[in-house]
Amino acid sequence: MNVEAMFEQFPILKSDDLVLKKIEDHHLDEVFEIYNNDKVFEYCGIIPKHNKDTVKKMIGHFERDYHKKSRVKWGIFANPESDRLLGIIEAFDFNQKVNMVTIGYFLAESHWGKGVATEAVNILLKFLFMYMNINRIQAEVMPLNENSKRVLLKNGFIKEGTLRQATLWAGKGVVDLEIYSILREDYVN
């Protein structure tokens, strides 16, 4: 795992249509729009935030987590260089012993069903496999979250199974999770 590729300088990742870049304080209104929508987090272990000051502090936490090398949250923006936030994608739980990372993502509701999440995951996979030299990327999905499962399957992930009553998710209690993964060898081939 090439940790320096991630944490030496905040990575900006691009495709023809999207750019993944750092979320800044001036994105507060758009971040709040995402976190203030209960529908966005219906199938996530994240509690919606209905207070703008709380969301402002969270943006600071994104920076703190990056500097602690524990989690990276990118804003998903339209390319070329639009500053309108479409969603957030993240990499966390870096496990250097087995060369693995977990990813997650969520979009503003107005951008659902447009292929944004699928493309953002594709951009992140390329970076994690080709530049960070990760071997395994996984995602945890609540069984009812069909849209998220489709995003992963379109990107070559394989459903490994269901962990029954396996984790405590904020606001949800103890939940089942489906585990999806993709290995470097799957991606390269």
N, C-alpha and C. Protein backbone atom coordinates (compact mmCIF):
# COMPACT_ATOMS: atom_id res chain seq x y z
N MET A 1 0.85 -1.19 0.00
CA MET A 1 0.00 0.00 0.00
C MET A 1 0.88 1.24 0.00
N ASN A 2 0.71 2.07 -0.98
CA ASN A 2 1.47 3.30 -1.10
C ASN A 2 0.71 4.43 -0.41
N VAL A 3 0.88 4.52 0.90
CA VAL A 3 0.14 5.50 1.70
C VAL A 3 0.50 6.93 1.30
N GLU A 4 1.74 7.14 0.88
CA GLU A 4 2.16 8.49 0.50
C GLU A 4 1.33 9.03 -0.67
N ALA A 5 0.92 8.16 -1.57
CA ALA A 5 0.12 8.60 -2.72
C ALA A 5 -1.18 9.25 -2.26
N MET A 6 -1.68 8.83 -1.10
CA MET A 6 -2.92 9.37 -0.57
C MET A 6 -2.68 10.57 0.33
N PHE A 7 -1.67 10.49 1.18
CA PHE A 7 -1.57 11.46 2.27
C PHE A 7 -0.42 12.46 2.16
N GLU A 8 0.39 12.37 1.12
CA GLU A 8 1.44 13.37 0.94
C GLU A 8 0.82 14.72 0.57
N GLN A 9 -0.14 14.66 -0.32
CA GLN A 9 -0.87 15.85 -0.76
C GLN A 9 -2.27 15.38 -1.14
N PHE A 10 -3.28 16.18 -0.80
CA PHE A 10 -4.66 15.74 -1.04
C PHE A 10 -4.84 15.43 -2.53
N PRO A 11 -5.19 14.18 -2.86
CA PRO A 11 -5.29 13.79 -4.27
C PRO A 11 -6.54 14.36 -4.95
N ILE A 12 -6.35 14.93 -6.11
CA ILE A 12 -7.45 15.39 -6.96
C ILE A 12 -7.57 14.38 -8.09
N LEU A 13 -8.74 13.77 -8.22
CA LEU A 13 -8.95 12.69 -9.18
C LEU A 13 -9.97 13.14 -10.21
N LYS A 14 -9.72 12.83 -11.50
CA LYS A 14 -10.57 13.35 -12.56
C LYS A 14 -10.93 12.29 -13.59
N SER A 15 -12.09 12.50 -14.18
CA SER A 15 -12.48 11.82 -15.42
C SER A 15 -12.92 12.94 -16.36
N ASP A 16 -13.44 12.57 -17.51
CA ASP A 16 -13.93 13.60 -18.42
C ASP A 16 -15.11 14.37 -17.83
N ASP A 17 -15.93 13.68 -17.01
CA ASP A 17 -17.17 14.28 -16.52
C ASP A 17 -17.16 14.70 -15.06
N LEU A 18 -16.27 14.12 -14.26
CA LEU A 18 -16.27 14.39 -12.82
C LEU A 18 -14.87 14.71 -12.32
N VAL A 19 -14.83 15.43 -11.22
CA VAL A 19 -13.58 15.64 -10.49
C VAL A 19 -13.88 15.38 -9.01
N LEU A 20 -13.00 14.61 -8.39
CA LEU A 20 -13.07 14.35 -6.95
C LEU A 20 -12.00 15.21 -6.31
N LYS A 21 -12.43 16.12 -5.45
CA LYS A 21 -11.47 17.03 -4.82
C LYS A 21 -11.92 17.36 -3.41
N LYS A 22 -11.06 18.09 -2.72
CA LYS A 22 -11.26 18.44 -1.32
C LYS A 22 -12.53 19.28 -1.15
N ILE A 23 -13.26 18.98 -0.09
CA ILE A 23 -14.43 19.78 0.29
C ILE A 23 -13.92 20.93 1.16
N GLU A 24 -14.27 22.13 0.77
CA GLU A 24 -13.80 23.34 1.46
C GLU A 24 -14.95 23.99 2.24
N ASP A 25 -14.59 24.94 3.11
CA ASP A 25 -15.61 25.64 3.91
C ASP A 25 -16.68 26.30 3.04
N HIS A 26 -16.30 26.80 1.86
CA HIS A 26 -17.28 27.50 1.03
C HIS A 26 -18.30 26.54 0.38
N HIS A 27 -18.13 25.24 0.58
CA HIS A 27 -19.11 24.26 0.10
C HIS A 27 -20.18 23.97 1.16
N LEU A 28 -20.19 24.74 2.24
CA LEU A 28 -21.07 24.46 3.37
C LEU A 28 -22.53 24.27 2.96
N ASP A 29 -23.07 25.16 2.14
CA ASP A 29 -24.49 25.05 1.77
C ASP A 29 -24.79 23.74 1.06
N GLU A 30 -23.91 23.32 0.17
CA GLU A 30 -24.14 22.07 -0.57
C GLU A 30 -23.94 20.84 0.33
N VAL A 31 -22.96 20.88 1.22
CA VAL A 31 -22.76 19.77 2.16
C VAL A 31 -23.98 19.68 3.08
N PHE A 32 -24.47 20.83 3.52
CA PHE A 32 -25.66 20.85 4.38
C PHE A 32 -26.87 20.28 3.63
N GLU A 33 -27.01 20.62 2.36
CA GLU A 33 -28.12 20.10 1.55
C GLU A 33 -28.11 18.57 1.55
N ILE A 34 -26.93 17.98 1.47
CA ILE A 34 -26.81 16.51 1.47
C ILE A 34 -27.14 15.96 2.86
N TYR A 35 -26.46 16.47 3.89
CA TYR A 35 -26.61 15.92 5.23
C TYR A 35 -27.96 16.23 5.87
N ASN A 36 -28.65 17.23 5.38
CA ASN A 36 -29.95 17.63 5.92
C ASN A 36 -31.09 16.78 5.36
N ASN A 37 -30.82 15.93 4.38
CA ASN A 37 -31.85 15.15 3.70
C ASN A 37 -31.90 13.73 4.28
N ASP A 38 -32.98 13.42 4.98
CA ASP A 38 -33.12 12.09 5.60
C ASP A 38 -33.07 10.96 4.58
N LYS A 39 -33.56 11.20 3.36
CA LYS A 39 -33.58 10.16 2.33
C LYS A 39 -32.17 9.71 1.95
N VAL A 40 -31.22 10.65 1.96
CA VAL A 40 -29.85 10.34 1.56
C VAL A 40 -29.27 9.26 2.48
N PHE A 41 -29.63 9.30 3.75
CA PHE A 41 -29.02 8.40 4.74
C PHE A 41 -29.96 7.29 5.21
N GLU A 42 -31.01 7.04 4.43
CA GLU A 42 -31.96 6.00 4.78
C GLU A 42 -31.28 4.65 4.95
N TYR A 43 -30.27 4.37 4.11
CA TYR A 43 -29.58 3.08 4.14
C TYR A 43 -28.13 3.21 4.57
N CYS A 44 -27.82 4.22 5.35
CA CYS A 44 -26.45 4.45 5.79
C CYS A 44 -26.38 4.45 7.31
N GLY A 45 -25.22 4.23 7.82
CA GLY A 45 -24.99 4.32 9.25
C GLY A 45 -24.61 5.73 9.66
N ILE A 46 -25.21 6.70 9.01
CA ILE A 46 -24.95 8.12 9.29
C ILE A 46 -26.27 8.76 9.66
N ILE A 47 -26.25 9.53 10.73
CA ILE A 47 -27.46 10.25 11.14
C ILE A 47 -27.47 11.58 10.40
N PRO A 48 -28.59 11.92 9.72
CA PRO A 48 -28.67 13.21 9.05
C PRO A 48 -28.41 14.35 10.03
N LYS A 49 -27.89 15.44 9.51
CA LYS A 49 -27.57 16.61 10.34
C LYS A 49 -28.47 17.76 9.89
N HIS A 50 -29.29 18.26 10.81
CA HIS A 50 -30.24 19.31 10.48
C HIS A 50 -29.82 20.67 11.03
N ASN A 51 -28.56 20.77 11.44
CA ASN A 51 -28.04 22.02 11.98
C ASN A 51 -26.81 22.41 11.17
N LYS A 52 -26.86 23.59 10.58
CA LYS A 52 -25.77 24.02 9.69
C LYS A 52 -24.44 24.17 10.42
N ASP A 53 -24.48 24.60 11.68
CA ASP A 53 -23.23 24.74 12.45
C ASP A 53 -22.57 23.38 12.67
N THR A 54 -23.38 22.35 12.89
CA THR A 54 -22.86 20.99 13.04
C THR A 54 -22.15 20.56 11.75
N VAL A 55 -22.78 20.84 10.62
CA VAL A 55 -22.19 20.46 9.32
C VAL A 55 -20.90 21.25 9.08
N LYS A 56 -20.88 22.51 9.48
CA LYS A 56 -19.66 23.32 9.33
C LYS A 56 -18.51 22.68 10.11
N LYS A 57 -18.79 22.22 11.32
CA LYS A 57 -17.76 21.54 12.12
C LYS A 57 -17.32 20.24 11.45
N MET A 58 -18.27 19.55 10.83
CA MET A 58 -17.94 18.30 10.14
C MET A 58 -16.92 18.52 9.04
N ILE A 59 -17.05 19.61 8.31
CA ILE A 59 -16.09 19.90 7.24
C ILE A 59 -14.68 20.00 7.84
N GLY A 60 -14.58 20.59 9.02
CA GLY A 60 -13.29 20.62 9.73
C GLY A 60 -12.83 19.23 10.11
N HIS A 61 -13.79 18.36 10.45
CA HIS A 61 -13.44 16.98 10.79
C HIS A 61 -12.92 16.21 9.58
N PHE A 62 -13.44 16.54 8.39
CA PHE A 62 -12.93 15.91 7.16
C PHE A 62 -11.42 16.16 7.07
N GLU A 63 -11.02 17.41 7.33
CA GLU A 63 -9.61 17.80 7.27
C GLU A 63 -8.81 17.09 8.37
N ARG A 64 -9.36 17.07 9.58
CA ARG A 64 -8.69 16.42 10.70
C ARG A 64 -8.45 14.93 10.41
N ASP A 65 -9.50 14.25 9.91
CA ASP A 65 -9.37 12.82 9.61
C ASP A 65 -8.32 12.57 8.53
N TYR A 66 -8.26 13.47 7.55
CA TYR A 66 -7.25 13.34 6.49
C TYR A 66 -5.84 13.43 7.09
N HIS A 67 -5.63 14.41 7.94
CA HIS A 67 -4.30 14.59 8.53
C HIS A 67 -3.95 13.46 9.49
N LYS A 68 -4.95 12.82 10.08
CA LYS A 68 -4.72 11.65 10.93
C LYS A 68 -4.52 10.38 10.10
N LYS A 69 -4.67 10.51 8.78
CA LYS A 69 -4.51 9.39 7.83
C LYS A 69 -5.50 8.26 8.13
N SER A 70 -6.71 8.64 8.54
CA SER A 70 -7.70 7.63 8.88
C SER A 70 -8.85 7.56 7.88
N ARG A 71 -9.11 8.66 7.17
CA ARG A 71 -10.26 8.71 6.27
C ARG A 71 -10.04 9.86 5.29
N VAL A 72 -10.44 9.61 4.04
CA VAL A 72 -10.37 10.67 3.03
C VAL A 72 -11.76 10.84 2.44
N LYS A 73 -12.28 12.07 2.51
CA LYS A 73 -13.58 12.38 1.91
C LYS A 73 -13.34 13.35 0.76
N TRP A 74 -13.76 12.93 -0.42
CA TRP A 74 -13.71 13.80 -1.58
C TRP A 74 -15.10 14.34 -1.87
N GLY A 75 -15.16 15.58 -2.31
CA GLY A 75 -16.39 16.07 -2.91
C GLY A 75 -16.41 15.59 -4.35
N ILE A 76 -17.60 15.24 -4.82
CA ILE A 76 -17.79 14.85 -6.22
C ILE A 76 -18.34 16.07 -6.93
N PHE A 77 -17.61 16.55 -7.93
CA PHE A 77 -18.00 17.76 -8.66
C PHE A 77 -18.05 17.45 -10.15
N ALA A 78 -18.88 18.20 -10.87
CA ALA A 78 -18.91 18.07 -12.33
C ALA A 78 -17.61 18.64 -12.88
N ASN A 79 -17.06 17.99 -13.89
CA ASN A 79 -15.85 18.46 -14.56
C ASN A 79 -16.29 19.01 -15.91
N PRO A 80 -15.79 20.03 -16.48
CA PRO A 80 -14.58 20.72 -16.05
C PRO A 80 -14.83 21.71 -14.90
N GLU A 81 -14.11 21.46 -13.84
CA GLU A 81 -13.94 22.37 -12.71
C GLU A 81 -15.18 23.14 -12.26
N SER A 82 -16.31 22.49 -12.21
CA SER A 82 -17.49 23.10 -11.60
C SER A 82 -17.26 23.09 -10.09
N ASP A 83 -17.83 24.04 -9.39
CA ASP A 83 -17.68 24.05 -7.95
C ASP A 83 -19.00 23.68 -7.28
N ARG A 84 -19.89 23.02 -8.03
CA ARG A 84 -21.17 22.56 -7.47
C ARG A 84 -21.00 21.13 -6.98
N LEU A 85 -21.20 20.93 -5.68
CA LEU A 85 -21.02 19.62 -5.06
C LEU A 85 -22.19 18.70 -5.42
N LEU A 86 -21.88 17.55 -6.01
CA LEU A 86 -22.91 16.56 -6.39
C LEU A 86 -23.07 15.49 -5.32
N GLY A 87 -21.98 15.21 -4.59
CA GLY A 87 -22.00 14.16 -3.58
C GLY A 87 -20.65 14.04 -2.91
N ILE A 88 -20.51 12.98 -2.13
CA ILE A 88 -19.30 12.74 -1.36
C ILE A 88 -18.93 11.27 -1.53
N ILE A 89 -17.64 11.01 -1.69
CA ILE A 89 -17.13 9.64 -1.75
C ILE A 89 -15.95 9.57 -0.80
N GLU A 90 -15.78 8.42 -0.14
CA GLU A 90 -14.74 8.34 0.87
C GLU A 90 -14.03 6.99 0.86
N ALA A 91 -12.82 7.03 1.38
CA ALA A 91 -12.03 5.82 1.61
C ALA A 91 -11.62 5.85 3.08
N PHE A 92 -11.78 4.70 3.75
CA PHE A 92 -11.49 4.65 5.18
C PHE A 92 -11.13 3.22 5.59
N ASP A 93 -10.83 3.03 6.84
CA ASP A 93 -10.40 1.72 7.36
C ASP A 93 -9.25 1.16 6.52
N PHE A 94 -8.20 1.95 6.39
CA PHE A 94 -7.01 1.50 5.68
C PHE A 94 -6.35 0.39 6.49
N ASN A 95 -6.30 -0.80 5.95
CA ASN A 95 -5.70 -1.94 6.64
C ASN A 95 -4.43 -2.32 5.87
N GLN A 96 -3.30 -1.83 6.36
CA GLN A 96 -2.05 -2.05 5.65
C GLN A 96 -1.57 -3.50 5.75
N LYS A 97 -1.98 -4.21 6.78
CA LYS A 97 -1.53 -5.60 6.94
C LYS A 97 -2.05 -6.48 5.81
N VAL A 98 -3.30 -6.25 5.40
CA VAL A 98 -3.85 -7.05 4.30
C VAL A 98 -4.05 -6.21 3.03
N ASN A 99 -3.57 -4.95 3.06
CA ASN A 99 -3.60 -4.08 1.88
C ASN A 99 -5.03 -3.89 1.38
N MET A 100 -5.89 -3.38 2.26
CA MET A 100 -7.31 -3.28 1.99
C MET A 100 -7.85 -1.95 2.47
N VAL A 101 -8.91 -1.49 1.81
CA VAL A 101 -9.58 -0.25 2.21
C VAL A 101 -11.08 -0.42 1.97
N THR A 102 -11.87 0.31 2.74
CA THR A 102 -13.32 0.34 2.57
C THR A 102 -13.71 1.67 1.95
N ILE A 103 -14.71 1.64 1.07
CA ILE A 103 -15.20 2.88 0.46
C ILE A 103 -16.69 3.06 0.77
N GLY A 104 -17.14 4.29 0.65
CA GLY A 104 -18.54 4.62 0.80
C GLY A 104 -18.84 5.86 -0.02
N TYR A 105 -20.10 6.13 -0.29
CA TYR A 105 -20.47 7.28 -1.12
C TYR A 105 -21.93 7.62 -0.89
N PHE A 106 -22.25 8.88 -1.11
CA PHE A 106 -23.64 9.33 -1.09
C PHE A 106 -23.74 10.61 -1.89
N LEU A 107 -24.89 10.78 -2.52
CA LEU A 107 -25.11 11.91 -3.42
C LEU A 107 -26.26 12.78 -2.94
N ALA A 108 -26.23 14.05 -3.36
CA ALA A 108 -27.40 14.90 -3.20
C ALA A 108 -28.54 14.23 -3.98
N GLU A 109 -29.73 14.25 -3.42
CA GLU A 109 -30.85 13.54 -4.03
C GLU A 109 -31.11 13.98 -5.48
N SER A 110 -30.84 15.24 -5.78
CA SER A 110 -31.08 15.74 -7.14
C SER A 110 -30.17 15.10 -8.18
N HIS A 111 -29.15 14.36 -7.74
CA HIS A 111 -28.21 13.73 -8.67
C HIS A 111 -28.32 12.21 -8.68
N TRP A 112 -29.33 11.67 -8.04
CA TRP A 112 -29.55 10.22 -8.05
C TRP A 112 -29.95 9.76 -9.45
N GLY A 113 -29.54 8.55 -9.80
CA GLY A 113 -29.98 7.92 -11.04
C GLY A 113 -29.36 8.48 -12.30
N LYS A 114 -28.28 9.23 -12.18
CA LYS A 114 -27.64 9.85 -13.36
C LYS A 114 -26.26 9.28 -13.65
N GLY A 115 -25.88 8.21 -12.95
CA GLY A 115 -24.58 7.61 -13.19
C GLY A 115 -23.42 8.26 -12.46
N VAL A 116 -23.71 9.25 -11.63
CA VAL A 116 -22.65 9.98 -10.94
C VAL A 116 -21.90 9.07 -9.96
N ALA A 117 -22.62 8.33 -9.14
CA ALA A 117 -21.96 7.45 -8.16
C ALA A 117 -21.15 6.37 -8.87
N THR A 118 -21.69 5.80 -9.93
CA THR A 118 -20.98 4.75 -10.67
C THR A 118 -19.65 5.29 -11.20
N GLU A 119 -19.68 6.48 -11.78
CA GLU A 119 -18.44 7.05 -12.32
C GLU A 119 -17.48 7.46 -11.21
N ALA A 120 -18.00 8.01 -10.12
CA ALA A 120 -17.12 8.41 -9.01
C ALA A 120 -16.41 7.19 -8.42
N VAL A 121 -17.13 6.08 -8.25
CA VAL A 121 -16.51 4.85 -7.75
C VAL A 121 -15.44 4.38 -8.74
N ASN A 122 -15.73 4.45 -10.02
CA ASN A 122 -14.76 4.05 -11.04
C ASN A 122 -13.47 4.87 -10.95
N ILE A 123 -13.61 6.16 -10.78
CA ILE A 123 -12.44 7.05 -10.64
C ILE A 123 -11.63 6.65 -9.40
N LEU A 124 -12.32 6.41 -8.30
CA LEU A 124 -11.64 6.07 -7.05
C LEU A 124 -10.95 4.71 -7.15
N LEU A 125 -11.60 3.74 -7.79
CA LEU A 125 -10.97 2.42 -7.96
C LEU A 125 -9.65 2.55 -8.70
N LYS A 126 -9.65 3.30 -9.78
CA LYS A 126 -8.42 3.46 -10.57
C LYS A 126 -7.30 4.02 -9.70
N PHE A 127 -7.61 5.03 -8.93
CA PHE A 127 -6.59 5.63 -8.06
C PHE A 127 -6.10 4.62 -7.00
N LEU A 128 -7.05 3.96 -6.34
CA LEU A 128 -6.67 3.04 -5.26
C LEU A 128 -5.86 1.85 -5.77
N PHE A 129 -6.24 1.31 -6.91
CA PHE A 129 -5.51 0.17 -7.44
C PHE A 129 -4.20 0.58 -8.12
N MET A 130 -4.22 1.60 -8.93
CA MET A 130 -3.07 1.92 -9.77
C MET A 130 -2.04 2.81 -9.07
N TYR A 131 -2.48 3.69 -8.18
CA TYR A 131 -1.54 4.62 -7.55
C TYR A 131 -1.23 4.27 -6.10
N MET A 132 -2.23 3.75 -5.40
CA MET A 132 -1.98 3.36 -4.01
C MET A 132 -1.58 1.90 -3.89
N ASN A 133 -1.76 1.16 -4.98
CA ASN A 133 -1.39 -0.25 -5.02
C ASN A 133 -2.15 -1.08 -3.98
N ILE A 134 -3.42 -0.75 -3.79
CA ILE A 134 -4.31 -1.49 -2.88
C ILE A 134 -4.62 -2.85 -3.53
N ASN A 135 -4.79 -3.87 -2.72
CA ASN A 135 -5.15 -5.19 -3.25
C ASN A 135 -6.65 -5.47 -3.16
N ARG A 136 -7.31 -4.99 -2.10
CA ARG A 136 -8.73 -5.28 -1.90
C ARG A 136 -9.46 -4.00 -1.53
N ILE A 137 -10.57 -3.77 -2.22
CA ILE A 137 -11.46 -2.65 -1.90
C ILE A 137 -12.82 -3.25 -1.58
N GLN A 138 -13.39 -2.83 -0.46
CA GLN A 138 -14.68 -3.38 -0.09
C GLN A 138 -15.67 -2.27 0.24
N ALA A 139 -16.94 -2.63 0.23
CA ALA A 139 -18.02 -1.72 0.61
C ALA A 139 -19.06 -2.52 1.37
N GLU A 140 -19.63 -1.90 2.38
CA GLU A 140 -20.69 -2.50 3.18
C GLU A 140 -22.00 -1.83 2.81
N VAL A 141 -23.02 -2.65 2.52
CA VAL A 141 -24.28 -2.11 2.01
C VAL A 141 -25.44 -2.73 2.79
N MET A 142 -26.39 -1.91 3.19
CA MET A 142 -27.60 -2.47 3.81
C MET A 142 -28.36 -3.24 2.74
N PRO A 143 -28.92 -4.40 3.09
CA PRO A 143 -29.58 -5.26 2.09
C PRO A 143 -30.66 -4.58 1.25
N LEU A 144 -31.35 -3.59 1.76
CA LEU A 144 -32.41 -2.92 0.99
C LEU A 144 -31.89 -1.85 0.04
N ASN A 145 -30.59 -1.54 0.09
CA ASN A 145 -30.05 -0.45 -0.71
C ASN A 145 -29.68 -0.94 -2.13
N GLU A 146 -30.72 -1.16 -2.92
CA GLU A 146 -30.53 -1.71 -4.28
C GLU A 146 -29.71 -0.78 -5.18
N ASN A 147 -29.89 0.53 -5.05
CA ASN A 147 -29.16 1.46 -5.91
C ASN A 147 -27.66 1.38 -5.67
N SER A 148 -27.27 1.31 -4.41
CA SER A 148 -25.85 1.23 -4.11
C SER A 148 -25.25 -0.09 -4.58
N LYS A 149 -26.01 -1.16 -4.44
CA LYS A 149 -25.53 -2.46 -4.92
C LYS A 149 -25.30 -2.42 -6.42
N ARG A 150 -26.19 -1.77 -7.16
CA ARG A 150 -26.02 -1.66 -8.63
C ARG A 150 -24.75 -0.89 -8.98
N VAL A 151 -24.47 0.17 -8.24
CA VAL A 151 -23.24 0.95 -8.47
C VAL A 151 -22.02 0.05 -8.34
N LEU A 152 -22.00 -0.76 -7.29
CA LEU A 152 -20.86 -1.63 -7.05
C LEU A 152 -20.75 -2.72 -8.12
N LEU A 153 -21.84 -3.35 -8.44
CA LEU A 153 -21.82 -4.42 -9.46
C LEU A 153 -21.37 -3.88 -10.82
N LYS A 154 -21.81 -2.68 -11.19
CA LYS A 154 -21.39 -2.08 -12.46
C LYS A 154 -19.88 -1.84 -12.48
N ASN A 155 -19.29 -1.68 -11.30
CA ASN A 155 -17.85 -1.44 -11.20
C ASN A 155 -17.04 -2.70 -10.96
N GLY A 156 -17.69 -3.87 -11.09
CA GLY A 156 -16.95 -5.13 -10.99
C GLY A 156 -16.86 -5.74 -9.60
N PHE A 157 -17.53 -5.14 -8.62
CA PHE A 157 -17.52 -5.73 -7.29
C PHE A 157 -18.31 -7.03 -7.31
N ILE A 158 -17.99 -7.90 -6.36
CA ILE A 158 -18.66 -9.18 -6.19
C ILE A 158 -19.29 -9.19 -4.80
N LYS A 159 -20.54 -9.64 -4.73
CA LYS A 159 -21.16 -9.80 -3.42
C LYS A 159 -20.56 -11.03 -2.77
N GLU A 160 -19.97 -10.84 -1.59
CA GLU A 160 -19.35 -11.94 -0.87
C GLU A 160 -20.32 -12.62 0.08
N GLY A 161 -21.32 -11.88 0.53
CA GLY A 161 -22.27 -12.48 1.45
C GLY A 161 -22.90 -11.46 2.36
N THR A 162 -23.68 -11.96 3.30
CA THR A 162 -24.39 -11.11 4.26
C THR A 162 -23.87 -11.40 5.66
N LEU A 163 -23.54 -10.35 6.35
CA LEU A 163 -23.17 -10.45 7.76
C LEU A 163 -24.45 -10.16 8.54
N ARG A 164 -25.00 -11.18 9.17
CA ARG A 164 -26.27 -11.04 9.86
C ARG A 164 -26.09 -10.40 11.23
N GLN A 165 -26.90 -9.36 11.47
CA GLN A 165 -26.89 -8.64 12.74
C GLN A 165 -25.46 -8.40 13.22
N ALA A 166 -24.66 -7.84 12.32
CA ALA A 166 -23.22 -7.81 12.53
C ALA A 166 -22.66 -6.49 13.01
N THR A 167 -23.43 -5.42 12.87
CA THR A 167 -22.84 -4.14 13.24
C THR A 167 -23.90 -3.20 13.77
N LEU A 168 -23.45 -2.25 14.56
CA LEU A 168 -24.33 -1.22 15.09
C LEU A 168 -24.14 0.03 14.24
N TRP A 169 -25.19 0.42 13.53
CA TRP A 169 -25.13 1.63 12.72
C TRP A 169 -25.94 2.72 13.39
N ALA A 170 -25.34 3.89 13.48
CA ALA A 170 -25.99 5.04 14.12
C ALA A 170 -27.39 5.25 13.55
N GLY A 171 -28.35 5.34 14.44
CA GLY A 171 -29.72 5.60 14.03
C GLY A 171 -30.47 4.40 13.49
N LYS A 172 -29.78 3.28 13.32
CA LYS A 172 -30.40 2.09 12.72
C LYS A 172 -30.43 0.90 13.69
N GLY A 173 -29.58 0.95 14.71
CA GLY A 173 -29.46 -0.19 15.61
C GLY A 173 -28.55 -1.25 15.01
N VAL A 174 -28.74 -2.48 15.43
CA VAL A 174 -27.94 -3.58 14.91
C VAL A 174 -28.54 -4.00 13.57
N VAL A 175 -27.70 -4.04 12.55
CA VAL A 175 -28.19 -4.29 11.18
C VAL A 175 -27.41 -5.40 10.50
N ASP A 176 -28.06 -5.98 9.49
CA ASP A 176 -27.37 -6.87 8.56
C ASP A 176 -26.63 -6.01 7.56
N LEU A 177 -25.51 -6.50 7.08
CA LEU A 177 -24.76 -5.81 6.03
C LEU A 177 -24.36 -6.80 4.96
N GLU A 178 -24.48 -6.40 3.72
CA GLU A 178 -23.92 -7.18 2.63
C GLU A 178 -22.53 -6.63 2.34
N ILE A 179 -21.60 -7.55 2.12
CA ILE A 179 -20.23 -7.16 1.83
C ILE A 179 -19.96 -7.38 0.34
N TYR A 180 -19.46 -6.34 -0.31
CA TYR A 180 -19.05 -6.40 -1.71
C TYR A 180 -17.56 -6.08 -1.76
N SER A 181 -16.85 -6.73 -2.67
CA SER A 181 -15.43 -6.44 -2.80
C SER A 181 -14.98 -6.58 -4.24
N ILE A 182 -13.85 -5.97 -4.50
CA ILE A 182 -13.15 -6.14 -5.76
C ILE A 182 -11.67 -6.23 -5.43
N LEU A 183 -11.00 -7.18 -6.07
CA LEU A 183 -9.56 -7.35 -5.87
C LEU A 183 -8.81 -6.73 -7.03
N ARG A 184 -7.57 -6.40 -6.77
CA ARG A 184 -6.71 -5.82 -7.82
C ARG A 184 -6.69 -6.71 -9.07
N GLU A 185 -6.60 -8.03 -8.86
CA GLU A 185 -6.54 -8.95 -10.02
C GLU A 185 -7.84 -8.92 -10.80
N ASP A 186 -8.99 -8.71 -10.13
CA ASP A 186 -10.26 -8.58 -10.84
C ASP A 186 -10.26 -7.32 -11.70
N TYR A 187 -9.74 -6.25 -11.11
CA TYR A 187 -9.75 -4.94 -11.77
C TYR A 187 -8.83 -4.94 -12.99
N VAL A 188 -7.63 -5.48 -12.81
CA VAL A 188 -6.63 -5.48 -13.89
C VAL A 188 -7.11 -6.33 -15.07
N ASN A 189 -7.78 -7.44 -14.76
CA ASN A 189 -8.27 -8.31 -15.82
C ASN A 189 -9.58 -7.78 -16.38
